[in-house]
N, C-alpha and C. Protein backbone atom coordinates (compact mmCIF):
# COMPACT_ATOMS: atom_id res chain seq x y z
N VAL A 1 -13.17 11.81 10.13
CA VAL A 1 -12.56 12.35 8.92
C VAL A 1 -13.31 11.90 7.68
N GLY A 2 -13.56 10.59 7.54
CA GLY A 2 -14.20 10.08 6.34
C GLY A 2 -15.69 10.31 6.28
N ASP A 3 -16.30 10.74 7.38
CA ASP A 3 -17.74 10.91 7.40
C ASP A 3 -18.20 12.33 7.11
N VAL A 4 -17.30 13.21 6.72
CA VAL A 4 -17.65 14.59 6.44
C VAL A 4 -18.74 14.68 5.38
N LEU A 5 -18.65 13.90 4.33
CA LEU A 5 -19.64 13.92 3.25
C LEU A 5 -20.49 12.66 3.23
N GLY A 6 -20.66 12.02 4.37
CA GLY A 6 -21.47 10.83 4.43
C GLY A 6 -20.67 9.54 4.44
N GLY A 7 -19.38 9.64 4.42
CA GLY A 7 -18.55 8.45 4.51
C GLY A 7 -17.89 8.08 3.21
N VAL A 8 -16.88 7.27 3.32
CA VAL A 8 -16.13 6.77 2.17
C VAL A 8 -16.58 5.35 1.90
N ASP A 9 -17.02 5.09 0.68
CA ASP A 9 -17.44 3.74 0.29
C ASP A 9 -16.31 2.95 -0.35
N ILE A 10 -15.48 3.65 -1.12
CA ILE A 10 -14.37 3.00 -1.83
C ILE A 10 -13.11 3.80 -1.58
N LEU A 11 -12.08 3.11 -1.14
CA LEU A 11 -10.80 3.75 -0.88
C LEU A 11 -9.75 3.10 -1.78
N VAL A 12 -9.08 3.91 -2.60
CA VAL A 12 -7.99 3.43 -3.44
C VAL A 12 -6.73 4.16 -2.99
N HIS A 13 -5.76 3.40 -2.53
CA HIS A 13 -4.50 4.00 -2.08
C HIS A 13 -3.42 3.67 -3.10
N ASN A 14 -2.94 4.72 -3.79
CA ASN A 14 -2.04 4.53 -4.93
C ASN A 14 -0.70 5.23 -4.74
N ALA A 15 -0.31 5.54 -3.53
CA ALA A 15 0.97 6.21 -3.31
C ALA A 15 2.11 5.22 -3.49
N GLY A 16 3.22 5.70 -4.01
CA GLY A 16 4.37 4.82 -4.13
C GLY A 16 5.53 5.51 -4.78
N GLY A 17 6.71 4.96 -4.54
CA GLY A 17 7.90 5.48 -5.16
C GLY A 17 9.14 5.11 -4.38
N GLY A 18 10.27 5.33 -5.00
CA GLY A 18 11.55 5.07 -4.36
C GLY A 18 12.68 5.43 -5.31
N ARG A 19 13.79 5.85 -4.75
CA ARG A 19 14.95 6.26 -5.53
C ARG A 19 15.88 5.07 -5.73
N ALA A 20 16.42 4.94 -6.93
CA ALA A 20 17.34 3.84 -7.23
C ALA A 20 18.71 4.08 -6.59
N HIS A 21 19.34 2.97 -6.21
CA HIS A 21 20.69 3.01 -5.63
C HIS A 21 21.57 2.01 -6.37
N ARG A 22 22.86 2.05 -6.11
CA ARG A 22 23.79 1.12 -6.76
C ARG A 22 23.46 -0.32 -6.43
N SER A 23 23.07 -0.57 -5.18
CA SER A 23 22.77 -1.92 -4.72
C SER A 23 21.92 -1.83 -3.47
N ALA A 24 21.42 -2.96 -3.01
CA ALA A 24 20.63 -2.99 -1.79
C ALA A 24 21.43 -2.48 -0.60
N LEU A 25 22.72 -2.83 -0.55
CA LEU A 25 23.55 -2.41 0.58
C LEU A 25 23.86 -0.91 0.57
N ALA A 26 23.62 -0.25 -0.57
CA ALA A 26 23.88 1.18 -0.68
C ALA A 26 22.66 2.02 -0.27
N ILE A 27 21.56 1.39 0.05
CA ILE A 27 20.35 2.13 0.44
C ILE A 27 20.52 2.58 1.89
N PRO A 28 20.52 3.89 2.13
CA PRO A 28 20.70 4.36 3.50
C PRO A 28 19.45 4.12 4.37
N ASP A 29 19.67 4.08 5.67
CA ASP A 29 18.57 3.82 6.61
C ASP A 29 17.39 4.76 6.42
N ASP A 30 17.67 6.04 6.21
CA ASP A 30 16.57 6.99 6.09
C ASP A 30 15.70 6.69 4.87
N GLU A 31 16.29 6.15 3.81
CA GLU A 31 15.47 5.81 2.64
C GLU A 31 14.69 4.52 2.84
N TRP A 32 15.22 3.60 3.66
CA TRP A 32 14.42 2.43 4.04
C TRP A 32 13.19 2.90 4.80
N LEU A 33 13.38 3.82 5.73
CA LEU A 33 12.25 4.33 6.52
C LEU A 33 11.28 5.13 5.66
N ASP A 34 11.81 5.97 4.77
CA ASP A 34 10.94 6.72 3.86
C ASP A 34 10.12 5.77 2.98
N GLY A 35 10.79 4.71 2.49
CA GLY A 35 10.09 3.73 1.65
C GLY A 35 8.98 3.03 2.40
N LEU A 36 9.24 2.65 3.64
CA LEU A 36 8.20 2.02 4.45
C LEU A 36 7.06 2.99 4.72
N ASN A 37 7.38 4.24 5.02
CA ASN A 37 6.34 5.23 5.29
C ASN A 37 5.45 5.48 4.08
N LEU A 38 6.05 5.66 2.92
CA LEU A 38 5.27 5.97 1.71
C LEU A 38 4.56 4.75 1.14
N ASN A 39 5.27 3.65 1.00
CA ASN A 39 4.76 2.49 0.26
C ASN A 39 3.97 1.50 1.09
N TYR A 40 4.01 1.63 2.40
CA TYR A 40 3.30 0.69 3.28
C TYR A 40 2.51 1.42 4.36
N LEU A 41 3.20 2.17 5.22
CA LEU A 41 2.52 2.74 6.38
C LEU A 41 1.50 3.82 6.03
N ALA A 42 1.65 4.47 4.88
CA ALA A 42 0.63 5.44 4.47
C ALA A 42 -0.73 4.76 4.30
N SER A 43 -0.73 3.54 3.76
CA SER A 43 -1.99 2.79 3.63
C SER A 43 -2.55 2.42 4.99
N VAL A 44 -1.68 1.98 5.90
CA VAL A 44 -2.12 1.61 7.24
C VAL A 44 -2.75 2.82 7.93
N ARG A 45 -2.11 3.96 7.81
CA ARG A 45 -2.62 5.18 8.46
C ARG A 45 -3.94 5.64 7.85
N LEU A 46 -4.03 5.59 6.54
CA LEU A 46 -5.27 6.01 5.88
C LEU A 46 -6.41 5.06 6.24
N ASP A 47 -6.12 3.76 6.24
CA ASP A 47 -7.14 2.79 6.64
C ASP A 47 -7.62 3.05 8.06
N SER A 48 -6.70 3.35 8.97
CA SER A 48 -7.10 3.56 10.36
C SER A 48 -8.02 4.76 10.50
N LEU A 49 -7.93 5.71 9.58
CA LEU A 49 -8.83 6.86 9.61
C LEU A 49 -10.20 6.56 8.99
N LEU A 50 -10.23 5.75 7.93
CA LEU A 50 -11.45 5.59 7.15
C LEU A 50 -12.20 4.29 7.38
N VAL A 51 -11.53 3.23 7.81
CA VAL A 51 -12.21 1.95 8.00
C VAL A 51 -13.25 1.99 9.13
N PRO A 52 -13.04 2.74 10.21
CA PRO A 52 -14.09 2.74 11.25
C PRO A 52 -15.48 3.13 10.71
N GLY A 53 -15.53 4.08 9.78
CA GLY A 53 -16.81 4.44 9.17
C GLY A 53 -17.38 3.32 8.34
N MET A 54 -16.54 2.59 7.63
CA MET A 54 -16.98 1.44 6.85
C MET A 54 -17.52 0.36 7.78
N LEU A 55 -16.85 0.17 8.91
CA LEU A 55 -17.31 -0.83 9.88
C LEU A 55 -18.70 -0.46 10.42
N GLU A 56 -18.91 0.82 10.68
CA GLU A 56 -20.24 1.27 11.15
C GLU A 56 -21.31 0.99 10.11
N ARG A 57 -21.00 1.21 8.84
CA ARG A 57 -21.97 1.00 7.76
C ARG A 57 -22.01 -0.45 7.30
N ARG A 58 -21.02 -1.24 7.75
CA ARG A 58 -20.90 -2.65 7.38
C ARG A 58 -20.81 -2.85 5.87
N SER A 59 -20.06 -1.96 5.23
CA SER A 59 -19.81 -2.10 3.80
C SER A 59 -18.64 -1.21 3.41
N GLY A 60 -18.00 -1.57 2.30
CA GLY A 60 -16.92 -0.76 1.77
C GLY A 60 -15.97 -1.61 0.96
N ALA A 61 -15.10 -0.92 0.26
CA ALA A 61 -14.08 -1.59 -0.54
C ALA A 61 -12.79 -0.80 -0.44
N ILE A 62 -11.70 -1.52 -0.26
CA ILE A 62 -10.37 -0.91 -0.16
C ILE A 62 -9.49 -1.57 -1.21
N VAL A 63 -8.77 -0.74 -1.97
CA VAL A 63 -7.82 -1.23 -2.95
C VAL A 63 -6.46 -0.61 -2.64
N HIS A 64 -5.50 -1.46 -2.34
CA HIS A 64 -4.13 -1.01 -2.14
C HIS A 64 -3.35 -1.32 -3.42
N VAL A 65 -2.68 -0.32 -3.95
CA VAL A 65 -1.90 -0.53 -5.16
C VAL A 65 -0.47 -0.88 -4.75
N SER A 66 -0.06 -2.09 -5.14
CA SER A 66 1.27 -2.60 -4.83
C SER A 66 2.12 -2.52 -6.08
N SER A 67 2.88 -3.54 -6.38
CA SER A 67 3.75 -3.53 -7.55
C SER A 67 4.20 -4.94 -7.87
N ALA A 68 4.36 -5.21 -9.14
CA ALA A 68 4.92 -6.49 -9.56
C ALA A 68 6.38 -6.61 -9.13
N ALA A 69 6.97 -5.53 -8.65
CA ALA A 69 8.35 -5.56 -8.15
C ALA A 69 8.51 -6.53 -6.98
N VAL A 70 7.41 -6.86 -6.30
CA VAL A 70 7.52 -7.81 -5.18
C VAL A 70 7.85 -9.21 -5.69
N LEU A 71 7.54 -9.50 -6.95
CA LEU A 71 7.80 -10.82 -7.51
C LEU A 71 9.25 -11.02 -7.90
N THR A 72 9.90 -9.95 -8.34
CA THR A 72 11.30 -10.01 -8.74
C THR A 72 12.01 -8.77 -8.20
N PRO A 73 12.23 -8.73 -6.88
CA PRO A 73 12.88 -7.55 -6.31
C PRO A 73 14.33 -7.44 -6.77
N VAL A 74 14.75 -6.23 -7.08
CA VAL A 74 16.12 -5.99 -7.51
C VAL A 74 16.79 -5.05 -6.51
N GLY A 75 18.08 -5.23 -6.31
CA GLY A 75 18.84 -4.49 -5.32
C GLY A 75 18.65 -2.99 -5.31
N PRO A 76 18.74 -2.31 -6.45
CA PRO A 76 18.62 -0.85 -6.43
C PRO A 76 17.27 -0.34 -5.91
N PHE A 77 16.24 -1.19 -5.94
CA PHE A 77 14.90 -0.81 -5.48
C PHE A 77 14.38 -1.76 -4.41
N LEU A 78 15.28 -2.41 -3.71
CA LEU A 78 14.85 -3.40 -2.73
C LEU A 78 14.01 -2.78 -1.61
N HIS A 79 14.29 -1.54 -1.24
CA HIS A 79 13.50 -0.87 -0.21
C HIS A 79 12.05 -0.68 -0.67
N TYR A 80 11.87 -0.37 -1.93
CA TYR A 80 10.53 -0.20 -2.51
C TYR A 80 9.79 -1.54 -2.54
N ALA A 81 10.43 -2.57 -3.09
CA ALA A 81 9.79 -3.88 -3.21
C ALA A 81 9.47 -4.48 -1.84
N THR A 82 10.34 -4.28 -0.88
CA THR A 82 10.12 -4.80 0.47
C THR A 82 8.89 -4.14 1.10
N ALA A 83 8.77 -2.84 0.96
CA ALA A 83 7.62 -2.14 1.52
C ALA A 83 6.33 -2.56 0.83
N LYS A 84 6.37 -2.75 -0.49
CA LYS A 84 5.17 -3.20 -1.20
C LYS A 84 4.81 -4.64 -0.82
N ALA A 85 5.80 -5.48 -0.54
CA ALA A 85 5.52 -6.83 -0.06
C ALA A 85 4.83 -6.78 1.31
N ALA A 86 5.28 -5.88 2.16
CA ALA A 86 4.63 -5.69 3.46
C ALA A 86 3.18 -5.24 3.26
N LEU A 87 2.96 -4.35 2.28
CA LEU A 87 1.60 -3.89 1.99
C LEU A 87 0.71 -5.05 1.56
N GLU A 88 1.24 -5.95 0.75
CA GLU A 88 0.44 -7.10 0.30
C GLU A 88 0.09 -8.02 1.46
N THR A 89 1.02 -8.25 2.36
CA THR A 89 0.74 -9.08 3.54
C THR A 89 -0.30 -8.41 4.43
N TYR A 90 -0.14 -7.12 4.65
CA TYR A 90 -1.10 -6.35 5.43
C TYR A 90 -2.49 -6.43 4.79
N SER A 91 -2.56 -6.27 3.48
CA SER A 91 -3.85 -6.30 2.78
C SER A 91 -4.55 -7.65 2.93
N ARG A 92 -3.78 -8.74 2.83
CA ARG A 92 -4.37 -10.08 3.01
C ARG A 92 -4.93 -10.23 4.43
N GLY A 93 -4.16 -9.78 5.41
CA GLY A 93 -4.63 -9.85 6.79
C GLY A 93 -5.87 -9.01 7.03
N MET A 94 -5.89 -7.80 6.47
CA MET A 94 -7.06 -6.93 6.62
C MET A 94 -8.27 -7.51 5.91
N SER A 95 -8.06 -8.16 4.78
CA SER A 95 -9.20 -8.74 4.06
C SER A 95 -9.86 -9.82 4.92
N LEU A 96 -9.06 -10.62 5.61
CA LEU A 96 -9.62 -11.65 6.48
C LEU A 96 -10.35 -11.04 7.68
N GLU A 97 -9.79 -9.97 8.22
CA GLU A 97 -10.39 -9.33 9.38
C GLU A 97 -11.67 -8.58 9.04
N LEU A 98 -11.71 -7.94 7.88
CA LEU A 98 -12.84 -7.07 7.55
C LEU A 98 -13.94 -7.74 6.74
N ALA A 99 -13.68 -8.88 6.15
CA ALA A 99 -14.69 -9.56 5.32
C ALA A 99 -15.98 -9.84 6.09
N PRO A 100 -15.94 -10.28 7.33
CA PRO A 100 -17.20 -10.53 8.04
C PRO A 100 -18.07 -9.28 8.21
N ALA A 101 -17.46 -8.10 8.11
CA ALA A 101 -18.20 -6.85 8.22
C ALA A 101 -18.63 -6.32 6.86
N GLY A 102 -18.43 -7.10 5.80
CA GLY A 102 -18.87 -6.68 4.47
C GLY A 102 -17.91 -5.74 3.78
N ILE A 103 -16.67 -5.68 4.23
CA ILE A 103 -15.66 -4.80 3.62
C ILE A 103 -14.66 -5.64 2.85
N ARG A 104 -14.51 -5.34 1.57
CA ARG A 104 -13.55 -6.05 0.72
C ARG A 104 -12.22 -5.31 0.71
N VAL A 105 -11.13 -6.04 0.79
CA VAL A 105 -9.79 -5.47 0.69
C VAL A 105 -9.05 -6.24 -0.39
N ASN A 106 -8.56 -5.52 -1.39
CA ASN A 106 -7.84 -6.14 -2.49
C ASN A 106 -6.54 -5.39 -2.75
N THR A 107 -5.63 -6.08 -3.39
CA THR A 107 -4.37 -5.48 -3.81
C THR A 107 -4.25 -5.62 -5.32
N VAL A 108 -3.85 -4.56 -5.97
CA VAL A 108 -3.57 -4.57 -7.40
C VAL A 108 -2.06 -4.38 -7.54
N SER A 109 -1.44 -5.22 -8.35
CA SER A 109 0.01 -5.16 -8.52
C SER A 109 0.38 -4.94 -9.97
N PRO A 110 0.35 -3.69 -10.42
CA PRO A 110 0.69 -3.43 -11.82
C PRO A 110 2.15 -3.71 -12.11
N GLY A 111 2.42 -3.96 -13.37
CA GLY A 111 3.80 -4.18 -13.81
C GLY A 111 4.48 -2.85 -14.05
N ARG A 112 5.58 -2.92 -14.74
CA ARG A 112 6.39 -1.75 -15.03
C ARG A 112 5.60 -0.72 -15.84
N VAL A 113 5.77 0.54 -15.48
CA VAL A 113 5.09 1.64 -16.16
C VAL A 113 6.14 2.50 -16.82
N ALA A 114 5.99 2.72 -18.11
CA ALA A 114 6.93 3.56 -18.84
C ALA A 114 6.69 5.02 -18.50
N SER A 115 7.49 5.56 -17.60
CA SER A 115 7.37 6.95 -17.18
C SER A 115 8.72 7.37 -16.61
N PRO A 116 8.91 8.67 -16.38
CA PRO A 116 10.19 9.11 -15.80
C PRO A 116 10.45 8.44 -14.45
N GLY A 117 9.40 8.12 -13.68
CA GLY A 117 9.58 7.49 -12.38
C GLY A 117 9.47 5.97 -12.43
N GLY A 118 9.08 5.42 -13.58
CA GLY A 118 8.90 3.97 -13.70
C GLY A 118 10.23 3.25 -13.72
N VAL A 119 10.21 2.06 -13.16
CA VAL A 119 11.43 1.27 -13.10
C VAL A 119 11.46 0.28 -14.24
């Protein structure tokens, strides 16, 4: 997939989002799963498609965009913060695994963004 145009050198994964609820206990199971799929597993899936080419070339850079919400998770968005915390743990593990092959993995955790979807 990633080698169609000669390969991917830099991958930035910036997907994210979640709907607010009254409290953490009010978040339904399907939204926990949706949050994990969008905010965490999408990065895992994209990496699994594109990292093999980076490994062949022994170079590359991956940036996963997380959120400062992992530092102060709040109930209405706990599903979002939990998934982003999983992404940060995954990114640290991948950085250790891929560094010997010349591939850097970093996480950027921006703060609150003033937008209709920003928390």
